[in-house]
Amino acid sequence: MYVLASHGNYSKETLSSCEMITGKLNNFQVVSFKDPMGIDDVVKKYQELYEKNNDDFFYIICDIKSGTPANSALIFKGTHKDVRVFSGLSFGLVD
């Protein structure tokens, strides 16, 4: 599973734009960090998606390094060694 994570709706809109070109992408999910969420809330969202994952991989692609979505992903990875975390979410990366 690919998890696109961002501040606001960036991840959701990036996925939506890609699906406009490619059609529905079944192994993609989004996590949108919004007020008043905190790090624990984002970690919980990652956990919920991880428990539903049917793929052999779990990649979290965050918008910016050291932002809350990325910091939460690194915390989550600390207890889930099979998780990979990336930063630099962009339309070109997903497409």
PDB file of N, CA and C in Angstrom:
ATOM      1  N   MET A   1       0.839  -1.174   0.000  1.00  0.00           N
ATOM      2  CA  MET A   1       0.000   0.000   0.000  1.00  0.00           C
ATOM      3  C   MET A   1       0.886   1.240   0.000  1.00  0.00           C
ATOM      4  N   TYR A   2       0.485   2.218  -0.792  1.00  0.00           N
ATOM      5  CA  TYR A   2       1.115   3.525  -0.794  1.00  0.00           C
ATOM      6  C   TYR A   2       0.213   4.464  -0.006  1.00  0.00           C
ATOM      7  N   VAL A   3       0.778   5.147   0.969  1.00  0.00           N
ATOM      8  CA  VAL A   3       0.034   6.131   1.751  1.00  0.00           C
ATOM      9  C   VAL A   3       0.622   7.495   1.433  1.00  0.00           C
ATOM     10  N   LEU A   4      -0.201   8.359   0.864  1.00  0.00           N
ATOM     11  CA  LEU A   4       0.224   9.720   0.576  1.00  0.00           C
ATOM     12  C   LEU A   4      -0.195  10.578   1.760  1.00  0.00           C
ATOM     13  N   ALA A   5       0.753  11.270   2.379  1.00  0.00           N
ATOM     14  CA  ALA A   5       0.485  12.026   3.600  1.00  0.00           C
ATOM     15  C   ALA A   5       0.932  13.475   3.427  1.00  0.00           C
ATOM     16  N   SER A   6       0.060  14.384   3.853  1.00  0.00           N
ATOM     17  CA  SER A   6       0.392  15.794   3.657  1.00  0.00           C
ATOM     18  C   SER A   6      -0.319  16.693   4.659  1.00  0.00           C
ATOM     19  N   HIS A   7       0.116  17.934   4.645  1.00  0.00           N
ATOM     20  CA  HIS A   7      -0.596  18.996   5.335  1.00  0.00           C
ATOM     21  C   HIS A   7      -1.800  19.361   4.457  1.00  0.00           C
ATOM     22  N   GLY A   8      -2.963  19.508   5.072  1.00  0.00           N
ATOM     23  CA  GLY A   8      -4.154  19.862   4.317  1.00  0.00           C
ATOM     24  C   GLY A   8      -4.534  18.782   3.318  1.00  0.00           C
ATOM     25  N   ASN A   9      -5.118  19.192   2.215  1.00  0.00           N
ATOM     26  CA  ASN A   9      -5.644  18.256   1.211  1.00  0.00           C
ATOM     27  C   ASN A   9      -4.674  17.952   0.075  1.00  0.00           C
ATOM     28  N   TYR A  10      -3.413  18.329   0.227  1.00  0.00           N
ATOM     29  CA  TYR A  10      -2.449  18.134  -0.855  1.00  0.00           C
ATOM     30  C   TYR A  10      -2.382  16.678  -1.308  1.00  0.00           C
ATOM     31  N   SER A  11      -2.309  15.743  -0.377  1.00  0.00           N
ATOM     32  CA  SER A  11      -2.207  14.326  -0.746  1.00  0.00           C
ATOM     33  C   SER A  11      -3.474  13.844  -1.439  1.00  0.00           C
ATOM     34  N   LYS A  12      -4.609  14.254  -0.936  1.00  0.00           N
ATOM     35  CA  LYS A  12      -5.892  13.861  -1.528  1.00  0.00           C
ATOM     36  C   LYS A  12      -6.015  14.389  -2.955  1.00  0.00           C
ATOM     37  N   GLU A  13      -5.651  15.626  -3.152  1.00  0.00           N
ATOM     38  CA  GLU A  13      -5.773  16.234  -4.483  1.00  0.00           C
ATOM     39  C   GLU A  13      -4.716  15.697  -5.451  1.00  0.00           C
ATOM     40  N   THR A  14      -3.542  15.353  -4.940  1.00  0.00           N
ATOM     41  CA  THR A  14      -2.516  14.737  -5.788  1.00  0.00           C
ATOM     42  C   THR A  14      -3.015  13.394  -6.306  1.00  0.00           C
ATOM     43  N   LEU A  15      -3.583  12.586  -5.418  1.00  0.00           N
ATOM     44  CA  LEU A  15      -4.128  11.289  -5.831  1.00  0.00           C
ATOM     45  C   LEU A  15      -5.274  11.474  -6.813  1.00  0.00           C
ATOM     46  N   SER A  16      -6.138  12.415  -6.534  1.00  0.00           N
ATOM     47  CA  SER A  16      -7.272  12.679  -7.424  1.00  0.00           C
ATOM     48  C   SER A  16      -6.803  13.068  -8.819  1.00  0.00           C
ATOM     49  N   SER A  17      -5.786  13.900  -8.902  1.00  0.00           N
ATOM     50  CA  SER A  17      -5.249  14.312 -10.204  1.00  0.00           C
ATOM     51  C   SER A  17      -4.637  13.129 -10.954  1.00  0.00           C
ATOM     52  N   CYS A  18      -3.929  12.280 -10.244  1.00  0.00           N
ATOM     53  CA  CYS A  18      -3.347  11.092 -10.879  1.00  0.00           C
ATOM     54  C   CYS A  18      -4.427  10.153 -11.399  1.00  0.00           C
ATOM     55  N   GLU A  19      -5.468   9.973 -10.600  1.00  0.00           N
ATOM     56  CA  GLU A  19      -6.543   9.071 -11.012  1.00  0.00           C
ATOM     57  C   GLU A  19      -7.331   9.624 -12.198  1.00  0.00           C
ATOM     58  N   MET A  20      -7.283  10.925 -12.392  1.00  0.00           N
ATOM     59  CA  MET A  20      -7.925  11.520 -13.563  1.00  0.00           C
ATOM     60  C   MET A  20      -7.228  11.019 -14.835  1.00  0.00           C
ATOM     61  N   ILE A  21      -5.945  10.738 -14.725  1.00  0.00           N
ATOM     62  CA  ILE A  21      -5.155  10.265 -15.870  1.00  0.00           C
ATOM     63  C   ILE A  21      -5.160   8.740 -15.951  1.00  0.00           C
ATOM     64  N   THR A  22      -4.949   8.075 -14.819  1.00  0.00           N
ATOM     65  CA  THR A  22      -4.732   6.630 -14.823  1.00  0.00           C
ATOM     66  C   THR A  22      -5.972   5.797 -14.539  1.00  0.00           C
ATOM     67  N   GLY A  23      -6.998   6.406 -13.971  1.00  0.00           N
ATOM     68  CA  GLY A  23      -8.138   5.652 -13.462  1.00  0.00           C
ATOM     69  C   GLY A  23      -7.892   5.343 -11.992  1.00  0.00           C
ATOM     70  N   LYS A  24      -8.816   4.659 -11.373  1.00  0.00           N
ATOM     71  CA  LYS A  24      -8.764   4.364  -9.943  1.00  0.00           C
ATOM     72  C   LYS A  24      -7.503   3.580  -9.584  1.00  0.00           C
ATOM     73  N   LEU A  25      -6.812   4.043  -8.545  1.00  0.00           N
ATOM     74  CA  LEU A  25      -5.619   3.366  -8.039  1.00  0.00           C
ATOM     75  C   LEU A  25      -5.986   2.699  -6.719  1.00  0.00           C
ATOM     76  N   ASN A  26      -6.095   1.396  -6.720  1.00  0.00           N
ATOM     77  CA  ASN A  26      -6.620   0.663  -5.568  1.00  0.00           C
ATOM     78  C   ASN A  26      -5.660   0.528  -4.402  1.00  0.00           C
ATOM     79  N   ASN A  27      -4.367   0.621  -4.629  1.00  0.00           N
ATOM     80  CA  ASN A  27      -3.426   0.407  -3.536  1.00  0.00           C
ATOM     81  C   ASN A  27      -2.870   1.724  -2.981  1.00  0.00           C
ATOM     82  N   PHE A  28      -3.628   2.811  -3.137  1.00  0.00           N
ATOM     83  CA  PHE A  28      -3.254   4.122  -2.614  1.00  0.00           C
ATOM     84  C   PHE A  28      -4.285   4.586  -1.593  1.00  0.00           C
ATOM     85  N   GLN A  29      -3.799   5.181  -0.511  1.00  0.00           N
ATOM     86  CA  GLN A  29      -4.641   5.815   0.500  1.00  0.00           C
ATOM     87  C   GLN A  29      -4.023   7.161   0.835  1.00  0.00           C
ATOM     88  N   VAL A  30      -4.794   8.030   1.475  1.00  0.00           N
ATOM     89  CA  VAL A  30      -4.274   9.339   1.857  1.00  0.00           C
ATOM     90  C   VAL A  30      -4.476   9.585   3.346  1.00  0.00           C
ATOM     91  N   VAL A  31      -3.577  10.373   3.898  1.00  0.00           N
ATOM     92  CA  VAL A  31      -3.715  10.898   5.251  1.00  0.00           C
ATOM     93  C   VAL A  31      -3.523  12.405   5.137  1.00  0.00           C
ATOM     94  N   SER A  32      -4.533  13.147   5.567  1.00  0.00           N
ATOM     95  CA  SER A  32      -4.488  14.602   5.523  1.00  0.00           C
ATOM     96  C   SER A  32      -4.375  15.149   6.937  1.00  0.00           C
ATOM     97  N   PHE A  33      -3.286  15.839   7.202  1.00  0.00           N
ATOM     98  CA  PHE A  33      -3.052  16.439   8.509  1.00  0.00           C
ATOM     99  C   PHE A  33      -3.723  17.805   8.544  1.00  0.00           C
ATOM    100  N   LYS A  34      -4.669  17.966   9.469  1.00  0.00           N
ATOM    101  CA  LYS A  34      -5.418  19.230   9.583  1.00  0.00           C
ATOM    102  C   LYS A  34      -5.574  19.592  11.055  1.00  0.00           C
ATOM    103  N   ASP A  35      -5.796  20.876  11.316  1.00  0.00           N
ATOM    104  CA  ASP A  35      -6.100  21.313  12.682  1.00  0.00           C
ATOM    105  C   ASP A  35      -7.384  20.684  13.143  1.00  0.00           C
ATOM    106  N   PRO A  36      -7.517  20.257  14.342  1.00  0.00           N
ATOM    107  CA  PRO A  36      -6.587  20.341  15.469  1.00  0.00           C
ATOM    108  C   PRO A  36      -5.807  19.045  15.689  1.00  0.00           C
ATOM    109  N   MET A  37      -5.519  18.305  14.643  1.00  0.00           N
ATOM    110  CA  MET A  37      -4.796  17.037  14.777  1.00  0.00           C
ATOM    111  C   MET A  37      -3.395  17.258  15.339  1.00  0.00           C
ATOM    112  N   GLY A  38      -2.898  16.221  16.008  1.00  0.00           N
ATOM    113  CA  GLY A  38      -1.528  16.210  16.493  1.00  0.00           C
ATOM    114  C   GLY A  38      -0.816  14.979  15.976  1.00  0.00           C
ATOM    115  N   ILE A  39       0.411  14.808  16.401  1.00  0.00           N
ATOM    116  CA  ILE A  39       1.224  13.673  15.953  1.00  0.00           C
ATOM    117  C   ILE A  39       0.543  12.347  16.266  1.00  0.00           C
ATOM    118  N   ASP A  40      -0.002  12.208  17.459  1.00  0.00           N
ATOM    119  CA  ASP A  40      -0.654  10.949  17.844  1.00  0.00           C
ATOM    120  C   ASP A  40      -1.829  10.609  16.936  1.00  0.00           C
ATOM    121  N   ASP A  41      -2.550  11.632  16.496  1.00  0.00           N
ATOM    122  CA  ASP A  41      -3.684  11.405  15.586  1.00  0.00           C
ATOM    123  C   ASP A  41      -3.212  10.867  14.239  1.00  0.00           C
ATOM    124  N   VAL A  42      -2.108  11.402  13.740  1.00  0.00           N
ATOM    125  CA  VAL A  42      -1.580  10.956  12.454  1.00  0.00           C
ATOM    126  C   VAL A  42      -1.027   9.537  12.575  1.00  0.00           C
ATOM    127  N   VAL A  43      -0.320   9.243  13.659  1.00  0.00           N
ATOM    128  CA  VAL A  43       0.182   7.887  13.887  1.00  0.00           C
ATOM    129  C   VAL A  43      -0.993   6.906  13.923  1.00  0.00           C
ATOM    130  N   LYS A  44      -2.072   7.293  14.562  1.00  0.00           N
ATOM    131  CA  LYS A  44      -3.272   6.440  14.633  1.00  0.00           C
ATOM    132  C   LYS A  44      -3.836   6.177  13.241  1.00  0.00           C
ATOM    133  N   LYS A  45      -3.859   7.192  12.376  1.00  0.00           N
ATOM    134  CA  LYS A  45      -4.341   7.010  10.997  1.00  0.00           C
ATOM    135  C   LYS A  45      -3.455   6.013  10.247  1.00  0.00           C
ATOM    136  N   TYR A  46      -2.127   6.127  10.431  1.00  0.00           N
ATOM    137  CA  TYR A  46      -1.220   5.169   9.794  1.00  0.00           C
ATOM    138  C   TYR A  46      -1.500   3.754  10.297  1.00  0.00           C
ATOM    139  N   GLN A  47      -1.732   3.613  11.589  1.00  0.00           N
ATOM    140  CA  GLN A  47      -2.011   2.300  12.168  1.00  0.00           C
ATOM    141  C   GLN A  47      -3.285   1.701  11.582  1.00  0.00           C
ATOM    142  N   GLU A  48      -4.329   2.512  11.452  1.00  0.00           N
ATOM    143  CA  GLU A  48      -5.600   2.036  10.885  1.00  0.00           C
ATOM    144  C   GLU A  48      -5.396   1.528   9.464  1.00  0.00           C
ATOM    145  N   LEU A  49      -4.643   2.263   8.667  1.00  0.00           N
ATOM    146  CA  LEU A  49      -4.383   1.829   7.286  1.00  0.00           C
ATOM    147  C   LEU A  49      -3.499   0.593   7.256  1.00  0.00           C
ATOM    148  N   TYR A  50      -2.520   0.536   8.131  1.00  0.00           N
ATOM    149  CA  TYR A  50      -1.604  -0.612   8.196  1.00  0.00           C
ATOM    150  C   TYR A  50      -2.373  -1.895   8.485  1.00  0.00           C
ATOM    151  N   GLU A  51      -3.344  -1.812   9.374  1.00  0.00           N
ATOM    152  CA  GLU A  51      -4.142  -2.983   9.736  1.00  0.00           C
ATOM    153  C   GLU A  51      -5.031  -3.454   8.587  1.00  0.00           C
ATOM    154  N   LYS A  52      -5.366  -2.567   7.662  1.00  0.00           N
ATOM    155  CA  LYS A  52      -6.195  -2.912   6.491  1.00  0.00           C
ATOM    156  C   LYS A  52      -5.361  -3.305   5.281  1.00  0.00           C
ATOM    157  N   ASN A  53      -4.051  -3.181   5.389  1.00  0.00           N
ATOM    158  CA  ASN A  53      -3.167  -3.386   4.250  1.00  0.00           C
ATOM    159  C   ASN A  53      -3.168  -4.839   3.775  1.00  0.00           C
ATOM    160  N   ASN A  54      -3.373  -5.037   2.473  1.00  0.00           N
ATOM    161  CA  ASN A  54      -3.327  -6.373   1.871  1.00  0.00           C
ATOM    162  C   ASN A  54      -2.128  -6.537   0.939  1.00  0.00           C
ATOM    163  N   ASP A  55      -1.320  -5.488   0.800  1.00  0.00           N
ATOM    164  CA  ASP A  55      -0.148  -5.540  -0.069  1.00  0.00           C
ATOM    165  C   ASP A  55       1.047  -6.078   0.711  1.00  0.00           C
ATOM    166  N   ASP A  56       2.100  -6.397  -0.012  1.00  0.00           N
ATOM    167  CA  ASP A  56       3.324  -6.888   0.615  1.00  0.00           C
ATOM    168  C   ASP A  56       4.229  -5.750   1.075  1.00  0.00           C
ATOM    169  N   PHE A  57       3.763  -4.529   0.964  1.00  0.00           N
ATOM    170  CA  PHE A  57       4.572  -3.370   1.315  1.00  0.00           C
ATOM    171  C   PHE A  57       3.676  -2.290   1.915  1.00  0.00           C
ATOM    172  N   PHE A  58       4.295  -1.370   2.636  1.00  0.00           N
ATOM    173  CA  PHE A  58       3.585  -0.230   3.218  1.00  0.00           C
ATOM    174  C   PHE A  58       4.532   0.962   3.137  1.00  0.00           C
ATOM    175  N   TYR A  59       4.312   1.798   2.129  1.00  0.00           N
ATOM    176  CA  TYR A  59       5.157   2.957   1.890  1.00  0.00           C
ATOM    177  C   TYR A  59       4.378   4.219   2.228  1.00  0.00           C
ATOM    178  N   ILE A  60       4.970   5.070   3.052  1.00  0.00           N
ATOM    179  CA  ILE A  60       4.368   6.364   3.378  1.00  0.00           C
ATOM    180  C   ILE A  60       5.178   7.426   2.652  1.00  0.00           C
ATOM    181  N   ILE A  61       4.499   8.193   1.801  1.00  0.00           N
ATOM    182  CA  ILE A  61       5.147   9.250   1.035  1.00  0.00           C
ATOM    183  C   ILE A  61       4.600  10.576   1.550  1.00  0.00           C
ATOM    184  N   CYS A  62       5.453  11.349   2.188  1.00  0.00           N
ATOM    185  CA  CYS A  62       5.051  12.586   2.850  1.00  0.00           C
ATOM    186  C   CYS A  62       5.396  13.810   2.000  1.00  0.00           C
ATOM    187  N   ASP A  63       4.693  14.899   2.284  1.00  0.00           N
ATOM    188  CA  ASP A  63       4.927  16.112   1.507  1.00  0.00           C
ATOM    189  C   ASP A  63       6.283  16.743   1.800  1.00  0.00           C
ATOM    190  N   ILE A  64       6.615  16.976   3.066  1.00  0.00           N
ATOM    191  CA  ILE A  64       7.886  17.625   3.379  1.00  0.00           C
ATOM    192  C   ILE A  64       8.605  16.940   4.542  1.00  0.00           C
ATOM    193  N   LYS A  65       9.896  16.897   4.439  1.00  0.00           N
ATOM    194  CA  LYS A  65      10.741  16.345   5.491  1.00  0.00           C
ATOM    195  C   LYS A  65      10.583  17.203   6.751  1.00  0.00           C
ATOM    196  N   SER A  66      10.485  16.545   7.886  1.00  0.00           N
ATOM    197  CA  SER A  66      10.394  17.182   9.204  1.00  0.00           C
ATOM    198  C   SER A  66       9.049  17.826   9.504  1.00  0.00           C
ATOM    199  N   GLY A  67       8.062  17.660   8.627  1.00  0.00           N
ATOM    200  CA  GLY A  67       6.712  18.120   8.929  1.00  0.00           C
ATOM    201  C   GLY A  67       5.997  17.082   9.785  1.00  0.00           C
ATOM    202  N   THR A  68       4.860  17.425  10.309  1.00  0.00           N
ATOM    203  CA  THR A  68       4.117  16.500  11.175  1.00  0.00           C
ATOM    204  C   THR A  68       3.797  15.172  10.494  1.00  0.00           C
ATOM    205  N   PRO A  69       3.325  15.137   9.240  1.00  0.00           N
ATOM    206  CA  PRO A  69       3.085  13.833   8.610  1.00  0.00           C
ATOM    207  C   PRO A  69       4.345  12.970   8.533  1.00  0.00           C
ATOM    208  N   ALA A  70       5.487  13.587   8.226  1.00  0.00           N
ATOM    209  CA  ALA A  70       6.741  12.845   8.131  1.00  0.00           C
ATOM    210  C   ALA A  70       7.247  12.419   9.513  1.00  0.00           C
ATOM    211  N   ASN A  71       7.182  13.316  10.476  1.00  0.00           N
ATOM    212  CA  ASN A  71       7.623  12.967  11.831  1.00  0.00           C
ATOM    213  C   ASN A  71       6.760  11.841  12.405  1.00  0.00           C
ATOM    214  N   SER A  72       5.462  11.900  12.146  1.00  0.00           N
ATOM    215  CA  SER A  72       4.555  10.845  12.597  1.00  0.00           C
ATOM    216  C   SER A  72       4.881   9.527  11.916  1.00  0.00           C
ATOM    217  N   ALA A  73       5.227   9.585  10.636  1.00  0.00           N
ATOM    218  CA  ALA A  73       5.590   8.378   9.891  1.00  0.00           C
ATOM    219  C   ALA A  73       6.848   7.740  10.467  1.00  0.00           C
ATOM    220  N   LEU A  74       7.808   8.546  10.865  1.00  0.00           N
ATOM    221  CA  LEU A  74       9.034   8.007  11.446  1.00  0.00           C
ATOM    222  C   LEU A  74       8.769   7.385  12.814  1.00  0.00           C
ATOM    223  N   ILE A  75       7.885   7.987  13.587  1.00  0.00           N
ATOM    224  CA  ILE A  75       7.484   7.392  14.867  1.00  0.00           C
ATOM    225  C   ILE A  75       6.815   6.048  14.609  1.00  0.00           C
ATOM    226  N   PHE A  76       5.901   6.009  13.642  1.00  0.00           N
ATOM    227  CA  PHE A  76       5.189   4.784  13.291  1.00  0.00           C
ATOM    228  C   PHE A  76       6.166   3.708  12.828  1.00  0.00           C
ATOM    229  N   LYS A  77       7.120   4.094  12.002  1.00  0.00           N
ATOM    230  CA  LYS A  77       8.123   3.152  11.499  1.00  0.00           C
ATOM    231  C   LYS A  77       8.937   2.543  12.636  1.00  0.00           C
ATOM    232  N   GLY A  78       9.087   3.266  13.732  1.00  0.00           N
ATOM    233  CA  GLY A  78       9.845   2.766  14.871  1.00  0.00           C
ATOM    234  C   GLY A  78       9.294   1.474  15.441  1.00  0.00           C
ATOM    235  N   THR A  79       8.008   1.239  15.285  1.00  0.00           N
ATOM    236  CA  THR A  79       7.388   0.000  15.780  1.00  0.00           C
ATOM    237  C   THR A  79       6.931  -0.912  14.647  1.00  0.00           C
ATOM    238  N   HIS A  80       7.188  -0.510  13.414  1.00  0.00           N
ATOM    239  CA  HIS A  80       6.816  -1.299  12.231  1.00  0.00           C
ATOM    240  C   HIS A  80       7.991  -1.269  11.262  1.00  0.00           C
ATOM    241  N   LYS A  81       8.921  -2.142  11.468  1.00  0.00           N
ATOM    242  CA  LYS A  81      10.194  -2.119  10.725  1.00  0.00           C
ATOM    243  C   LYS A  81      10.042  -2.346   9.225  1.00  0.00           C
ATOM    244  N   ASP A  82       8.921  -2.911   8.784  1.00  0.00           N
ATOM    245  CA  ASP A  82       8.715  -3.164   7.356  1.00  0.00           C
ATOM    246  C   ASP A  82       8.221  -1.928   6.606  1.00  0.00           C
ATOM    247  N   VAL A  83       7.913  -0.866   7.309  1.00  0.00           N
ATOM    248  CA  VAL A  83       7.396   0.367   6.704  1.00  0.00           C
ATOM    249  C   VAL A  83       8.554   1.172   6.136  1.00  0.00           C
ATOM    250  N   ARG A  84       8.336   1.753   4.962  1.00  0.00           N
ATOM    251  CA  ARG A  84       9.311   2.665   4.338  1.00  0.00           C
ATOM    252  C   ARG A  84       8.709   4.052   4.311  1.00  0.00           C
ATOM    253  N   VAL A  85       9.520   5.061   4.582  1.00  0.00           N
ATOM    254  CA  VAL A  85       9.062   6.446   4.630  1.00  0.00           C
ATOM    255  C   VAL A  85       9.869   7.270   3.643  1.00  0.00           C
ATOM    256  N   PHE A  86       9.174   8.093   2.860  1.00  0.00           N
ATOM    257  CA  PHE A  86       9.782   8.963   1.868  1.00  0.00           C
ATOM    258  C   PHE A  86       9.208  10.359   2.034  1.00  0.00           C
ATOM    259  N   SER A  87       9.945  11.364   1.585  1.00  0.00           N
ATOM    260  CA  SER A  87       9.401  12.719   1.543  1.00  0.00           C
ATOM    261  C   SER A  87       9.568  13.250   0.131  1.00  0.00           C
ATOM    262  N   GLY A  88       8.844  14.326  -0.178  1.00  0.00           N
ATOM    263  CA  GLY A  88       8.905  14.903  -1.508  1.00  0.00           C
ATOM    264  C   GLY A  88       7.708  14.546  -2.372  1.00  0.00           C
ATOM    265  N   LEU A  89       6.562  14.345  -1.742  1.00  0.00           N
ATOM    266  CA  LEU A  89       5.340  14.017  -2.493  1.00  0.00           C
ATOM    267  C   LEU A  89       5.118  15.020  -3.612  1.00  0.00           C
ATOM    268  N   SER A  90       4.885  14.503  -4.792  1.00  0.00           N
ATOM    269  CA  SER A  90       4.579  15.359  -5.942  1.00  0.00           C
ATOM    270  C   SER A  90       3.746  14.570  -6.947  1.00  0.00           C
ATOM    271  N   PHE A  91       3.088  15.291  -7.798  1.00  0.00           N
ATOM    272  CA  PHE A  91       2.281  14.678  -8.838  1.00  0.00           C
ATOM    273  C   PHE A  91       3.121  13.755  -9.712  1.00  0.00           C
ATOM    274  N   GLY A  92       4.295  14.218 -10.113  1.00  0.00           N
ATOM    275  CA  GLY A  92       5.176  13.424 -10.971  1.00  0.00           C
ATOM    276  C   GLY A  92       5.653  12.136 -10.305  1.00  0.00           C
ATOM    277  N   LEU A  93       5.832  12.180  -9.001  1.00  0.00           N
ATOM    278  CA  LEU A  93       6.277  10.986  -8.272  1.00  0.00           C
ATOM    279  C   LEU A  93       5.191   9.911  -8.268  1.00  0.00           C
ATOM    280  N   VAL A  94       3.944  10.314  -8.077  1.00  0.00           N
ATOM    281  CA  VAL A  94       2.843   9.360  -8.002  1.00  0.00           C
ATOM    282  C   VAL A  94       2.435   8.875  -9.372  1.00  0.00           C
ATOM    283  N   ASP A  95       2.436   9.762 -10.355  1.00  0.00           N
ATOM    284  CA  ASP A  95       2.019   9.422 -11.710  1.00  0.00           C
ATOM    285  C   ASP A  95       3.051   8.526 -12.313  1.00  0.00           C
TER     286      ASP A  95
END
